[in-house]
Amino acid sequence: MNQPQNLPTALAFWGAPGIGSAEWILAAKKQTFRMSYCDIDPSLIAVQSRYDRLIPFLVERPTSDLPIAVLLMQKDATGYNTVSPVGYADITTLLSPVNFAFDGRQFIEFINAVDINQATTIPANTFSDPTGIGTYNWGNWVENEGLYFIVLVFADGVKLYSELIQIVDFPEFSEEPDSPCKSRIRIECSNNCEIGGIPPVNLAAQKVFLYYETSKPTYPLEKSVSTDGNKQEKIMWAKVKKRWQISFYGTERSADFFSLLPLYGSLNSGINITDTYGVQSGVSDVDVEISWPEETQDCLALIVLSFTREFVSFTNCC
């Protein structure tokens, strides 16, 4: 896939070909929420992440080195493309990224399968105290529903900037269908062969959380019939599918990722979806339609994801 971001993943990262502060500026300017045409509510742009557990990520690197620092930047952080940012926390100790090689290429994946202890201390600064780095903990520095982005810092002078994320306090799996605090659609994709430049991951599946309803399923019917002399049909074999559709908005980077879902759905590793009712299973017959409504100012795509969760097969034995 011809993409400007590092990889077409659920959480896109941006980089620049060179090193140093001038390249950091170029990399940061590629983030969607900084683009002038995207004059809409930033929370509609942001990728949702749990308060207790950041979503996994995957990036490609020319070498096998791991980041020397992982920074969580507030959306309005200043100096984010310098050596002295204001409005950031150093969360390096909270993450355990690993590197691996595939087909002569080097990758870094972050699994994040363990919840963050909110009492864990992190070095950070604030707008009210920008000159020094104080000791805070996750629970009193990170704001629920706050907007942030992740910066990966490497020893060779390269920085990778993530798309905007919104950190929200909701559970891994939906508990109450109509509760904005306890309900999300959870989509997890695993690939055991390369898709769009994304290698088979060791452990870090792609993961997305959506705050949209799952309702109004359709029930398409497939059938084989016999016809008697009066042209009356009798079903000999039939299958009734229960098919769901989810409509939501996302940036072009999200559209890049979701456009690949039918390919994930064709694999044995596949796609696992938990709906707002807490029902979890693998899905099949995945289809994605992407359009660009005028009201979203070319910033957000309308993404329509449909899939089959279950079916009833019938063979007439009478």
C-alpha atoms as a PDB file:
ATOM      1  CA  MET A   1       0.000   0.000   0.000  1.00  0.00           C
ATOM      2  CA  ASN A   2       1.293   3.445  -0.920  1.00  0.00           C
ATOM      3  CA  GLN A   3       0.924   5.265   2.367  1.00  0.00           C
ATOM      4  CA  PRO A   4       2.671   8.329   3.832  1.00  0.00           C
ATOM      5  CA  GLN A   5       2.479   6.999   7.389  1.00  0.00           C
ATOM      6  CA  ASN A   6       4.927   4.494   8.817  1.00  0.00           C
ATOM      7  CA  LEU A   7       2.510   1.536   8.395  1.00  0.00           C
ATOM      8  CA  PRO A   8      -1.272   1.314   7.758  1.00  0.00           C
ATOM      9  CA  THR A   9      -2.002   0.267  11.331  1.00  0.00           C
ATOM     10  CA  ALA A  10      -4.823   1.021  13.762  1.00  0.00           C
ATOM     11  CA  LEU A  11      -2.635   3.704  15.373  1.00  0.00           C
ATOM     12  CA  ALA A  12      -0.635   5.428  12.654  1.00  0.00           C
ATOM     13  CA  PHE A  13       2.798   6.931  13.293  1.00  0.00           C
ATOM     14  CA  TRP A  14       4.540   9.626  11.275  1.00  0.00           C
ATOM     15  CA  GLY A  15       8.206  10.142  10.636  1.00  0.00           C
ATOM     16  CA  ALA A  16      10.605  11.990   8.351  1.00  0.00           C
ATOM     17  CA  PRO A  17      13.560  10.633   6.402  1.00  0.00           C
ATOM     18  CA  GLY A  18      16.239  12.603   8.269  1.00  0.00           C
ATOM     19  CA  ILE A  19      17.265  13.293  11.855  1.00  0.00           C
ATOM     20  CA  GLY A  20      17.223  16.299  14.163  1.00  0.00           C
ATOM     21  CA  SER A  21      14.787  19.075  15.041  1.00  0.00           C
ATOM     22  CA  ALA A  22      14.016  20.148  11.470  1.00  0.00           C
ATOM     23  CA  GLU A  23      12.920  16.589  10.708  1.00  0.00           C
ATOM     24  CA  TRP A  24      10.873  16.436  13.921  1.00  0.00           C
ATOM     25  CA  ILE A  25       8.918  19.466  12.729  1.00  0.00           C
ATOM     26  CA  LEU A  26       8.200  17.788   9.385  1.00  0.00           C
ATOM     27  CA  ALA A  27       7.104  14.555  11.080  1.00  0.00           C
ATOM     28  CA  ALA A  28       4.792  16.303  13.549  1.00  0.00           C
ATOM     29  CA  LYS A  29       3.111  18.387  10.838  1.00  0.00           C
ATOM     30  CA  LYS A  30       1.825  15.204   9.214  1.00  0.00           C
ATOM     31  CA  GLN A  31      -0.488  14.438  12.133  1.00  0.00           C
ATOM     32  CA  THR A  32      -4.078  14.866  10.966  1.00  0.00           C
ATOM     33  CA  PHE A  33      -5.178  17.074  13.843  1.00  0.00           C
ATOM     34  CA  ARG A  34      -2.576  19.703  12.844  1.00  0.00           C
ATOM     35  CA  MET A  35      -3.876  20.041   9.278  1.00  0.00           C
ATOM     36  CA  SER A  36      -5.704  23.294   8.566  1.00  0.00           C
ATOM     37  CA  TYR A  37      -8.583  21.708   6.649  1.00  0.00           C
ATOM     38  CA  CYS A  38      -9.455  19.491   9.606  1.00  0.00           C
ATOM     39  CA  ASP A  39     -11.422  22.143  11.508  1.00  0.00           C
ATOM     40  CA  ILE A  40     -13.685  19.820  13.482  1.00  0.00           C
ATOM     41  CA  ASP A  41     -13.909  18.505  17.044  1.00  0.00           C
ATOM     42  CA  PRO A  42     -10.531  16.819  17.750  1.00  0.00           C
ATOM     43  CA  SER A  43     -12.276  14.068  19.728  1.00  0.00           C
ATOM     44  CA  LEU A  44     -13.828  12.912  16.428  1.00  0.00           C
ATOM     45  CA  ILE A  45     -10.345  12.591  14.951  1.00  0.00           C
ATOM     46  CA  ALA A  46      -8.722  10.837  17.898  1.00  0.00           C
ATOM     47  CA  VAL A  47      -8.158   7.098  18.197  1.00  0.00           C
ATOM     48  CA  GLN A  48      -9.718   5.883  21.435  1.00  0.00           C
ATOM     49  CA  SER A  49      -7.474   4.260  24.029  1.00  0.00           C
ATOM     50  CA  ARG A  50      -8.312   2.878  27.455  1.00  0.00           C
ATOM     51  CA  TYR A  51      -7.268   4.822  30.542  1.00  0.00           C
ATOM     52  CA  ASP A  52      -5.873   1.677  32.171  1.00  0.00           C
ATOM     53  CA  ARG A  53      -4.166   0.200  29.124  1.00  0.00           C
ATOM     54  CA  LEU A  54      -2.807   1.985  26.054  1.00  0.00           C
ATOM     55  CA  ILE A  55      -3.601   0.362  22.724  1.00  0.00           C
ATOM     56  CA  PRO A  56      -0.885  -1.719  21.028  1.00  0.00           C
ATOM     57  CA  PHE A  57       1.233  -0.254  18.259  1.00  0.00           C
ATOM     58  CA  LEU A  58       3.592  -1.443  15.542  1.00  0.00           C
ATOM     59  CA  VAL A  59       6.235   0.589  13.681  1.00  0.00           C
ATOM     60  CA  GLU A  60       8.937  -0.169  11.139  1.00  0.00           C
ATOM     61  CA  ARG A  61      12.551   0.895  11.624  1.00  0.00           C
ATOM     62  CA  PRO A  62      15.663   0.606   9.463  1.00  0.00           C
ATOM     63  CA  THR A  63      17.593  -0.827  12.425  1.00  0.00           C
ATOM     64  CA  SER A  64      16.794  -3.092  15.367  1.00  0.00           C
ATOM     65  CA  ASP A  65      17.151  -0.397  18.032  1.00  0.00           C
ATOM     66  CA  LEU A  66      14.348   0.189  20.509  1.00  0.00           C
ATOM     67  CA  PRO A  67      13.254   3.719  21.479  1.00  0.00           C
ATOM     68  CA  ILE A  68      15.321   5.322  24.234  1.00  0.00           C
ATOM     69  CA  ALA A  69      12.207   7.196  25.397  1.00  0.00           C
ATOM     70  CA  VAL A  70       8.451   7.057  24.917  1.00  0.00           C
ATOM     71  CA  LEU A  71       6.701  10.364  25.575  1.00  0.00           C
ATOM     72  CA  LEU A  72       3.004  11.001  26.107  1.00  0.00           C
ATOM     73  CA  MET A  73       2.343  14.539  24.837  1.00  0.00           C
ATOM     74  CA  GLN A  74      -0.739  16.595  25.571  1.00  0.00           C
ATOM     75  CA  LYS A  75      -2.475  17.699  22.370  1.00  0.00           C
ATOM     76  CA  ASP A  76      -1.544  21.337  23.032  1.00  0.00           C
ATOM     77  CA  ALA A  77       2.010  20.615  24.159  1.00  0.00           C
ATOM     78  CA  THR A  78       4.515  23.279  23.183  1.00  0.00           C
ATOM     79  CA  GLY A  79       8.001  22.573  21.947  1.00  0.00           C
ATOM     80  CA  TYR A  80       6.921  19.061  21.018  1.00  0.00           C
ATOM     81  CA  ASN A  81       9.396  19.156  18.147  1.00  0.00           C
ATOM     82  CA  THR A  82      12.311  20.369  20.299  1.00  0.00           C
ATOM     83  CA  VAL A  83      14.467  18.893  23.043  1.00  0.00           C
ATOM     84  CA  SER A  84      12.504  20.835  25.712  1.00  0.00           C
ATOM     85  CA  PRO A  85       8.781  20.142  25.322  1.00  0.00           C
ATOM     86  CA  VAL A  86       6.172  21.430  27.750  1.00  0.00           C
ATOM     87  CA  GLY A  87       3.114  19.341  28.553  1.00  0.00           C
ATOM     88  CA  TYR A  88       4.503  15.826  28.402  1.00  0.00           C
ATOM     89  CA  ALA A  89       5.137  12.770  30.543  1.00  0.00           C
ATOM     90  CA  ASP A  90       7.916  10.227  30.097  1.00  0.00           C
ATOM     91  CA  ILE A  91       6.129   6.850  30.086  1.00  0.00           C
ATOM     92  CA  THR A  92       9.112   4.767  28.992  1.00  0.00           C
ATOM     93  CA  THR A  93       9.005   2.613  32.120  1.00  0.00           C
ATOM     94  CA  LEU A  94       5.320   1.770  31.572  1.00  0.00           C
ATOM     95  CA  LEU A  95       5.915   0.174  28.181  1.00  0.00           C
ATOM     96  CA  SER A  96       7.843  -2.900  27.126  1.00  0.00           C
ATOM     97  CA  PRO A  97       8.283  -2.721  23.348  1.00  0.00           C
ATOM     98  CA  VAL A  98      10.190  -5.480  21.594  1.00  0.00           C
ATOM     99  CA  ASN A  99      11.866  -5.649  18.209  1.00  0.00           C
ATOM    100  CA  PHE A 100      11.707  -8.412  15.620  1.00  0.00           C
ATOM    101  CA  ALA A 101      12.776  -8.977  12.033  1.00  0.00           C
ATOM    102  CA  PHE A 102      10.641 -10.114   9.111  1.00  0.00           C
ATOM    103  CA  ASP A 103      11.711 -10.581   5.497  1.00  0.00           C
ATOM    104  CA  GLY A 104      14.819  -8.461   5.987  1.00  0.00           C
ATOM    105  CA  ARG A 105      12.903  -5.612   7.666  1.00  0.00           C
ATOM    106  CA  GLN A 106      12.991  -4.470  11.299  1.00  0.00           C
ATOM    107  CA  PHE A 107       9.898  -3.777  13.415  1.00  0.00           C
ATOM    108  CA  ILE A 108       8.998  -2.699  16.926  1.00  0.00           C
ATOM    109  CA  GLU A 109       5.781  -3.868  18.526  1.00  0.00           C
ATOM    110  CA  PHE A 110       4.178  -2.870  21.786  1.00  0.00           C
ATOM    111  CA  ILE A 111       1.768  -5.444  23.187  1.00  0.00           C
ATOM    112  CA  ASN A 112       0.500  -3.710  26.349  1.00  0.00           C
ATOM    113  CA  ALA A 113      -1.445  -6.652  27.732  1.00  0.00           C
ATOM    114  CA  VAL A 114      -1.028  -5.452  31.329  1.00  0.00           C
ATOM    115  CA  ASP A 115      -3.088  -2.720  32.984  1.00  0.00           C
ATOM    116  CA  ILE A 116      -1.299   0.434  34.122  1.00  0.00           C
ATOM    117  CA  ASN A 117      -1.171   0.933  37.873  1.00  0.00           C
ATOM    118  CA  GLN A 118      -2.580   4.433  38.305  1.00  0.00           C
ATOM    119  CA  ALA A 119      -0.290   5.006  41.282  1.00  0.00           C
ATOM    120  CA  THR A 120       2.794   4.426  39.131  1.00  0.00           C
ATOM    121  CA  THR A 121       5.055   7.476  39.193  1.00  0.00           C
ATOM    122  CA  ILE A 122       6.123   9.148  35.950  1.00  0.00           C
ATOM    123  CA  PRO A 123       8.415  12.123  35.250  1.00  0.00           C
ATOM    124  CA  ALA A 124       6.357  14.930  33.700  1.00  0.00           C
ATOM    125  CA  ASN A 125       5.930  18.668  33.457  1.00  0.00           C
ATOM    126  CA  THR A 126       2.887  20.909  33.174  1.00  0.00           C
ATOM    127  CA  PHE A 127       1.995  24.283  31.697  1.00  0.00           C
ATOM    128  CA  SER A 128       1.877  25.732  35.214  1.00  0.00           C
ATOM    129  CA  ASP A 129       5.380  24.422  35.969  1.00  0.00           C
ATOM    130  CA  PRO A 130       7.128  24.189  32.595  1.00  0.00           C
ATOM    131  CA  THR A 131      10.721  24.639  33.664  1.00  0.00           C
ATOM    132  CA  GLY A 132      11.302  21.430  35.550  1.00  0.00           C
ATOM    133  CA  ILE A 133      10.373  17.778  35.490  1.00  0.00           C
ATOM    134  CA  GLY A 134       8.309  16.781  38.494  1.00  0.00           C
ATOM    135  CA  THR A 135       7.212  13.421  39.828  1.00  0.00           C
ATOM    136  CA  TYR A 136       3.567  12.662  39.155  1.00  0.00           C
ATOM    137  CA  ASN A 137       1.588   9.487  38.898  1.00  0.00           C
ATOM    138  CA  TRP A 138      -0.537   8.265  36.026  1.00  0.00           C
ATOM    139  CA  GLY A 139      -3.767   8.871  37.926  1.00  0.00           C
ATOM    140  CA  ASN A 140      -3.144  12.564  38.598  1.00  0.00           C
ATOM    141  CA  TRP A 141      -1.351  13.578  35.388  1.00  0.00           C
ATOM    142  CA  VAL A 142      -3.378  11.793  32.701  1.00  0.00           C
ATOM    143  CA  GLU A 143      -6.844  13.311  32.307  1.00  0.00           C
ATOM    144  CA  ASN A 144      -9.843  11.080  31.590  1.00  0.00           C
ATOM    145  CA  GLU A 145     -11.106  11.959  28.062  1.00  0.00           C
ATOM    146  CA  GLY A 146      -7.905  13.944  27.527  1.00  0.00           C
ATOM    147  CA  LEU A 147      -6.270  14.243  24.089  1.00  0.00           C
ATOM    148  CA  TYR A 148      -2.677  13.108  23.652  1.00  0.00           C
ATOM    149  CA  PHE A 149      -0.198  11.713  21.163  1.00  0.00           C
ATOM    150  CA  ILE A 150       2.747   9.353  21.592  1.00  0.00           C
ATOM    151  CA  VAL A 151       6.293  10.203  20.547  1.00  0.00           C
ATOM    152  CA  LEU A 152       8.912   7.495  20.096  1.00  0.00           C
ATOM    153  CA  VAL A 153      12.437   8.868  20.551  1.00  0.00           C
ATOM    154  CA  PHE A 154      15.417   6.998  19.103  1.00  0.00           C
ATOM    155  CA  ALA A 155      19.128   7.361  19.821  1.00  0.00           C
ATOM    156  CA  ASP A 156      19.891   8.217  16.178  1.00  0.00           C
ATOM    157  CA  GLY A 157      17.863  11.457  16.381  1.00  0.00           C
ATOM    158  CA  VAL A 158      14.656  10.139  14.818  1.00  0.00           C
ATOM    159  CA  LYS A 159      11.246  10.778  16.385  1.00  0.00           C
ATOM    160  CA  LEU A 160       8.005   9.079  15.353  1.00  0.00           C
ATOM    161  CA  TYR A 161       4.748  10.909  16.147  1.00  0.00           C
ATOM    162  CA  SER A 162       1.471   9.051  16.566  1.00  0.00           C
ATOM    163  CA  GLU A 163      -1.937  10.207  15.463  1.00  0.00           C
ATOM    164  CA  LEU A 164      -4.043  11.869  18.132  1.00  0.00           C
ATOM    165  CA  ILE A 165      -5.464   9.555  20.798  1.00  0.00           C
ATOM    166  CA  GLN A 166      -8.172  10.141  23.382  1.00  0.00           C
ATOM    167  CA  ILE A 167      -7.604   8.356  26.678  1.00  0.00           C
ATOM    168  CA  VAL A 168     -10.962   7.391  28.199  1.00  0.00           C
ATOM    169  CA  ASP A 169     -11.897   5.301  31.233  1.00  0.00           C
ATOM    170  CA  PHE A 170     -13.837   2.337  29.821  1.00  0.00           C
ATOM    171  CA  PRO A 171     -13.428  -1.427  30.260  1.00  0.00           C
ATOM    172  CA  GLU A 172     -11.686  -3.756  27.808  1.00  0.00           C
ATOM    173  CA  PHE A 173     -14.998  -5.489  27.094  1.00  0.00           C
ATOM    174  CA  SER A 174     -18.382  -3.803  27.077  1.00  0.00           C
ATOM    175  CA  GLU A 175     -20.411  -4.065  30.290  1.00  0.00           C
ATOM    176  CA  GLU A 176     -23.474  -1.824  29.795  1.00  0.00           C
ATOM    177  CA  PRO A 177     -24.767  -1.359  26.221  1.00  0.00           C
ATOM    178  CA  ASP A 178     -26.025   2.226  26.607  1.00  0.00           C
ATOM    179  CA  SER A 179     -23.318   3.593  28.898  1.00  0.00           C
ATOM    180  CA  PRO A 180     -20.667   5.908  27.398  1.00  0.00           C
ATOM    181  CA  CYS A 181     -18.395   4.945  30.297  1.00  0.00           C
ATOM    182  CA  LYS A 182     -18.799   1.170  30.047  1.00  0.00           C
ATOM    183  CA  SER A 183     -19.587   0.411  26.422  1.00  0.00           C
ATOM    184  CA  ARG A 184     -17.376   0.166  23.349  1.00  0.00           C
ATOM    185  CA  ILE A 185     -17.182  -1.944  20.223  1.00  0.00           C
ATOM    186  CA  ARG A 186     -13.855  -3.752  20.398  1.00  0.00           C
ATOM    187  CA  ILE A 187     -12.233  -4.879  17.145  1.00  0.00           C
ATOM    188  CA  GLU A 188      -9.082  -7.001  17.257  1.00  0.00           C
ATOM    189  CA  CYS A 189      -7.266  -8.173  14.123  1.00  0.00           C
ATOM    190  CA  SER A 190      -4.456 -10.689  13.886  1.00  0.00           C
ATOM    191  CA  ASN A 191      -2.537 -11.631  10.770  1.00  0.00           C
ATOM    192  CA  ASN A 192      -0.416 -14.728  10.254  1.00  0.00           C
ATOM    193  CA  CYS A 193       0.856 -13.485   6.895  1.00  0.00           C
ATOM    194  CA  GLU A 194       1.836 -10.054   5.574  1.00  0.00           C
ATOM    195  CA  ILE A 195      -0.985  -7.586   4.826  1.00  0.00           C
ATOM    196  CA  GLY A 196      -0.302  -4.167   3.305  1.00  0.00           C
ATOM    197  CA  GLY A 197       3.285  -4.173   4.506  1.00  0.00           C
ATOM    198  CA  ILE A 198       2.218  -5.196   8.011  1.00  0.00           C
ATOM    199  CA  PRO A 199       4.204  -8.303   8.970  1.00  0.00           C
ATOM    200  CA  PRO A 200       2.813 -11.261  10.883  1.00  0.00           C
ATOM    201  CA  VAL A 201       2.900  -9.908  14.424  1.00  0.00           C
ATOM    202  CA  ASN A 202       4.374 -11.893  17.283  1.00  0.00           C
ATOM    203  CA  LEU A 203       1.832 -10.893  19.901  1.00  0.00           C
ATOM    204  CA  ALA A 204       0.528  -7.360  19.254  1.00  0.00           C
ATOM    205  CA  ALA A 205      -2.737  -7.610  17.354  1.00  0.00           C
ATOM    206  CA  GLN A 206      -4.265  -4.483  15.835  1.00  0.00           C
ATOM    207  CA  LYS A 207      -6.957  -3.148  18.143  1.00  0.00           C
ATOM    208  CA  VAL A 208      -9.666  -0.481  17.785  1.00  0.00           C
ATOM    209  CA  PHE A 209     -12.349   0.753  20.176  1.00  0.00           C
ATOM    210  CA  LEU A 210     -15.422   2.512  18.785  1.00  0.00           C
ATOM    211  CA  TYR A 211     -18.178   4.295  20.646  1.00  0.00           C
ATOM    212  CA  TYR A 212     -21.022   3.463  18.278  1.00  0.00           C
ATOM    213  CA  GLU A 213     -24.101   1.315  18.682  1.00  0.00           C
ATOM    214  CA  THR A 214     -24.482  -2.204  17.339  1.00  0.00           C
ATOM    215  CA  SER A 215     -28.133  -2.706  16.481  1.00  0.00           C
ATOM    216  CA  LYS A 216     -30.499  -3.436  13.598  1.00  0.00           C
ATOM    217  CA  PRO A 217     -28.905  -6.614  12.202  1.00  0.00           C
ATOM    218  CA  THR A 218     -30.099  -7.964   8.874  1.00  0.00           C
ATOM    219  CA  TYR A 219     -30.882 -11.604   8.107  1.00  0.00           C
ATOM    220  CA  PRO A 220     -29.948 -12.460   4.503  1.00  0.00           C
ATOM    221  CA  LEU A 221     -31.192 -15.830   3.240  1.00  0.00           C
ATOM    222  CA  GLU A 222     -29.398 -18.205   0.930  1.00  0.00           C
ATOM    223  CA  LYS A 223     -31.433 -21.152  -0.317  1.00  0.00           C
ATOM    224  CA  SER A 224     -31.710 -24.023  -2.741  1.00  0.00           C
ATOM    225  CA  VAL A 225     -35.257 -24.983  -3.797  1.00  0.00           C
ATOM    226  CA  SER A 226     -37.163 -27.582  -5.772  1.00  0.00           C
ATOM    227  CA  THR A 227     -40.316 -26.747  -7.742  1.00  0.00           C
ATOM    228  CA  ASP A 228     -43.342 -29.004  -8.206  1.00  0.00           C
ATOM    229  CA  GLY A 229     -45.790 -29.112 -11.147  1.00  0.00           C
ATOM    230  CA  ASN A 230     -47.728 -26.195  -9.706  1.00  0.00           C
ATOM    231  CA  LYS A 231     -44.541 -24.146  -9.570  1.00  0.00           C
ATOM    232  CA  GLN A 232     -44.606 -24.190  -5.791  1.00  0.00           C
ATOM    233  CA  GLU A 233     -41.161 -23.916  -4.277  1.00  0.00           C
ATOM    234  CA  LYS A 234     -39.889 -26.106  -1.494  1.00  0.00           C
ATOM    235  CA  ILE A 235     -36.696 -25.256   0.356  1.00  0.00           C
ATOM    236  CA  MET A 236     -34.237 -28.127   0.190  1.00  0.00           C
ATOM    237  CA  TRP A 237     -31.318 -26.294   1.775  1.00  0.00           C
ATOM    238  CA  ALA A 238     -31.004 -22.846   3.321  1.00  0.00           C
ATOM    239  CA  LYS A 239     -28.720 -20.664   5.412  1.00  0.00           C
ATOM    240  CA  VAL A 240     -29.871 -17.628   7.389  1.00  0.00           C
ATOM    241  CA  LYS A 241     -27.061 -15.268   8.340  1.00  0.00           C
ATOM    242  CA  LYS A 242     -27.163 -12.665  11.097  1.00  0.00           C
ATOM    243  CA  ARG A 243     -25.291  -9.721   9.636  1.00  0.00           C
ATOM    244  CA  TRP A 244     -24.289  -6.568  11.486  1.00  0.00           C
ATOM    245  CA  GLN A 245     -23.340  -3.131  10.218  1.00  0.00           C
ATOM    246  CA  ILE A 246     -21.369  -0.436  12.036  1.00  0.00           C
ATOM    247  CA  SER A 247     -21.086   3.102  10.650  1.00  0.00           C
ATOM    248  CA  PHE A 248     -18.495   5.498  12.068  1.00  0.00           C
ATOM    249  CA  TYR A 249     -16.112   8.283  11.097  1.00  0.00           C
ATOM    250  CA  GLY A 250     -12.326   8.147  10.841  1.00  0.00           C
ATOM    251  CA  THR A 251      -9.377   9.955   9.331  1.00  0.00           C
ATOM    252  CA  GLU A 252      -7.741   8.848   6.100  1.00  0.00           C
ATOM    253  CA  ARG A 253      -5.216   6.933   8.205  1.00  0.00           C
ATOM    254  CA  SER A 254      -8.052   5.032   9.887  1.00  0.00           C
ATOM    255  CA  ALA A 255      -9.611   4.424   6.466  1.00  0.00           C
ATOM    256  CA  ASP A 256      -6.297   2.948   5.269  1.00  0.00           C
ATOM    257  CA  PHE A 257      -6.401   0.449   8.112  1.00  0.00           C
ATOM    258  CA  PHE A 258     -10.101  -0.423   7.885  1.00  0.00           C
ATOM    259  CA  SER A 259      -9.875  -0.924   4.123  1.00  0.00           C
ATOM    260  CA  LEU A 260      -7.642  -3.926   4.901  1.00  0.00           C
ATOM    261  CA  LEU A 261     -10.129  -5.609   7.233  1.00  0.00           C
ATOM    262  CA  PRO A 262     -11.571  -7.918   4.529  1.00  0.00           C
ATOM    263  CA  LEU A 263      -8.030  -9.285   4.117  1.00  0.00           C
ATOM    264  CA  TYR A 264      -7.701  -9.890   7.854  1.00  0.00           C
ATOM    265  CA  GLY A 265     -11.138 -11.514   7.757  1.00  0.00           C
ATOM    266  CA  SER A 266      -9.963 -14.014   5.165  1.00  0.00           C
ATOM    267  CA  LEU A 267      -7.266 -15.404   7.483  1.00  0.00           C
ATOM    268  CA  ASN A 268      -7.627 -18.137  10.083  1.00  0.00           C
ATOM    269  CA  SER A 269      -6.259 -15.713  12.699  1.00  0.00           C
ATOM    270  CA  GLY A 270      -8.900 -13.268  11.537  1.00  0.00           C
ATOM    271  CA  ILE A 271     -11.010 -10.651  13.262  1.00  0.00           C
ATOM    272  CA  ASN A 272     -12.593 -10.820  16.691  1.00  0.00           C
ATOM    273  CA  ILE A 273     -15.334  -8.308  17.515  1.00  0.00           C
ATOM    274  CA  THR A 274     -17.007  -7.603  20.848  1.00  0.00           C
ATOM    275  CA  ASP A 275     -20.169  -5.541  20.479  1.00  0.00           C
ATOM    276  CA  THR A 276     -21.741  -3.096  22.918  1.00  0.00           C
ATOM    277  CA  TYR A 277     -23.703  -5.959  24.479  1.00  0.00           C
ATOM    278  CA  GLY A 278     -20.481  -7.746  25.399  1.00  0.00           C
ATOM    279  CA  VAL A 279     -20.981 -10.493  22.801  1.00  0.00           C
ATOM    280  CA  GLN A 280     -17.574 -11.625  21.543  1.00  0.00           C
ATOM    281  CA  SER A 281     -16.681 -13.917  18.650  1.00  0.00           C
ATOM    282  CA  GLY A 282     -14.782 -14.231  15.435  1.00  0.00           C
ATOM    283  CA  VAL A 283     -16.550 -12.774  12.404  1.00  0.00           C
ATOM    284  CA  SER A 284     -16.690 -13.581   8.700  1.00  0.00           C
ATOM    285  CA  ASP A 285     -17.909 -12.092   5.392  1.00  0.00           C
ATOM    286  CA  VAL A 286     -16.273  -8.787   6.296  1.00  0.00           C
ATOM    287  CA  ASP A 287     -17.030  -5.875   3.972  1.00  0.00           C
ATOM    288  CA  VAL A 288     -15.943  -2.229   4.217  1.00  0.00           C
ATOM    289  CA  GLU A 289     -17.306   0.783   2.334  1.00  0.00           C
ATOM    290  CA  ILE A 290     -15.606   4.178   2.577  1.00  0.00           C
ATOM    291  CA  SER A 291     -16.978   7.540   1.433  1.00  0.00           C
ATOM    292  CA  TRP A 292     -16.208  11.208   2.111  1.00  0.00           C
ATOM    293  CA  PRO A 293     -19.310  13.212   3.137  1.00  0.00           C
ATOM    294  CA  GLU A 294     -19.148  16.952   2.459  1.00  0.00           C
ATOM    295  CA  GLU A 295     -20.087  17.809   6.037  1.00  0.00           C
ATOM    296  CA  THR A 296     -16.835  16.318   7.349  1.00  0.00           C
ATOM    297  CA  GLN A 297     -14.764  18.863   5.351  1.00  0.00           C
ATOM    298  CA  ASP A 298     -12.628  16.165   3.707  1.00  0.00           C
ATOM    299  CA  CYS A 299     -11.140  15.399   7.130  1.00  0.00           C
ATOM    300  CA  LEU A 300     -13.194  12.354   8.099  1.00  0.00           C
ATOM    301  CA  ALA A 301     -14.323   9.404   6.043  1.00  0.00           C
ATOM    302  CA  LEU A 302     -17.613   7.633   6.663  1.00  0.00           C
ATOM    303  CA  ILE A 303     -16.589   4.022   7.215  1.00  0.00           C
ATOM    304  CA  VAL A 304     -19.260   1.332   7.041  1.00  0.00           C
ATOM    305  CA  LEU A 305     -18.158  -2.054   8.355  1.00  0.00           C
ATOM    306  CA  SER A 306     -20.425  -5.059   7.924  1.00  0.00           C
ATOM    307  CA  PHE A 307     -19.819  -8.621   9.026  1.00  0.00           C
ATOM    308  CA  THR A 308     -21.500 -11.931   9.785  1.00  0.00           C
ATOM    309  CA  ARG A 309     -21.315 -13.175  13.336  1.00  0.00           C
ATOM    310  CA  GLU A 310     -23.448 -16.333  13.155  1.00  0.00           C
ATOM    311  CA  PHE A 311     -25.760 -18.289  10.896  1.00  0.00           C
ATOM    312  CA  VAL A 312     -28.309 -21.095  10.917  1.00  0.00           C
ATOM    313  CA  SER A 313     -27.968 -23.806   8.296  1.00  0.00           C
ATOM    314  CA  PHE A 314     -30.977 -25.963   7.351  1.00  0.00           C
ATOM    315  CA  THR A 315     -31.390 -29.116   5.290  1.00  0.00           C
ATOM    316  CA  ASN A 316     -34.946 -30.295   4.638  1.00  0.00           C
ATOM    317  CA  CYS A 317     -35.271 -33.864   5.892  1.00  0.00           C
ATOM    318  CA  CYS A 318     -39.027 -34.212   5.375  1.00  0.00           C
END
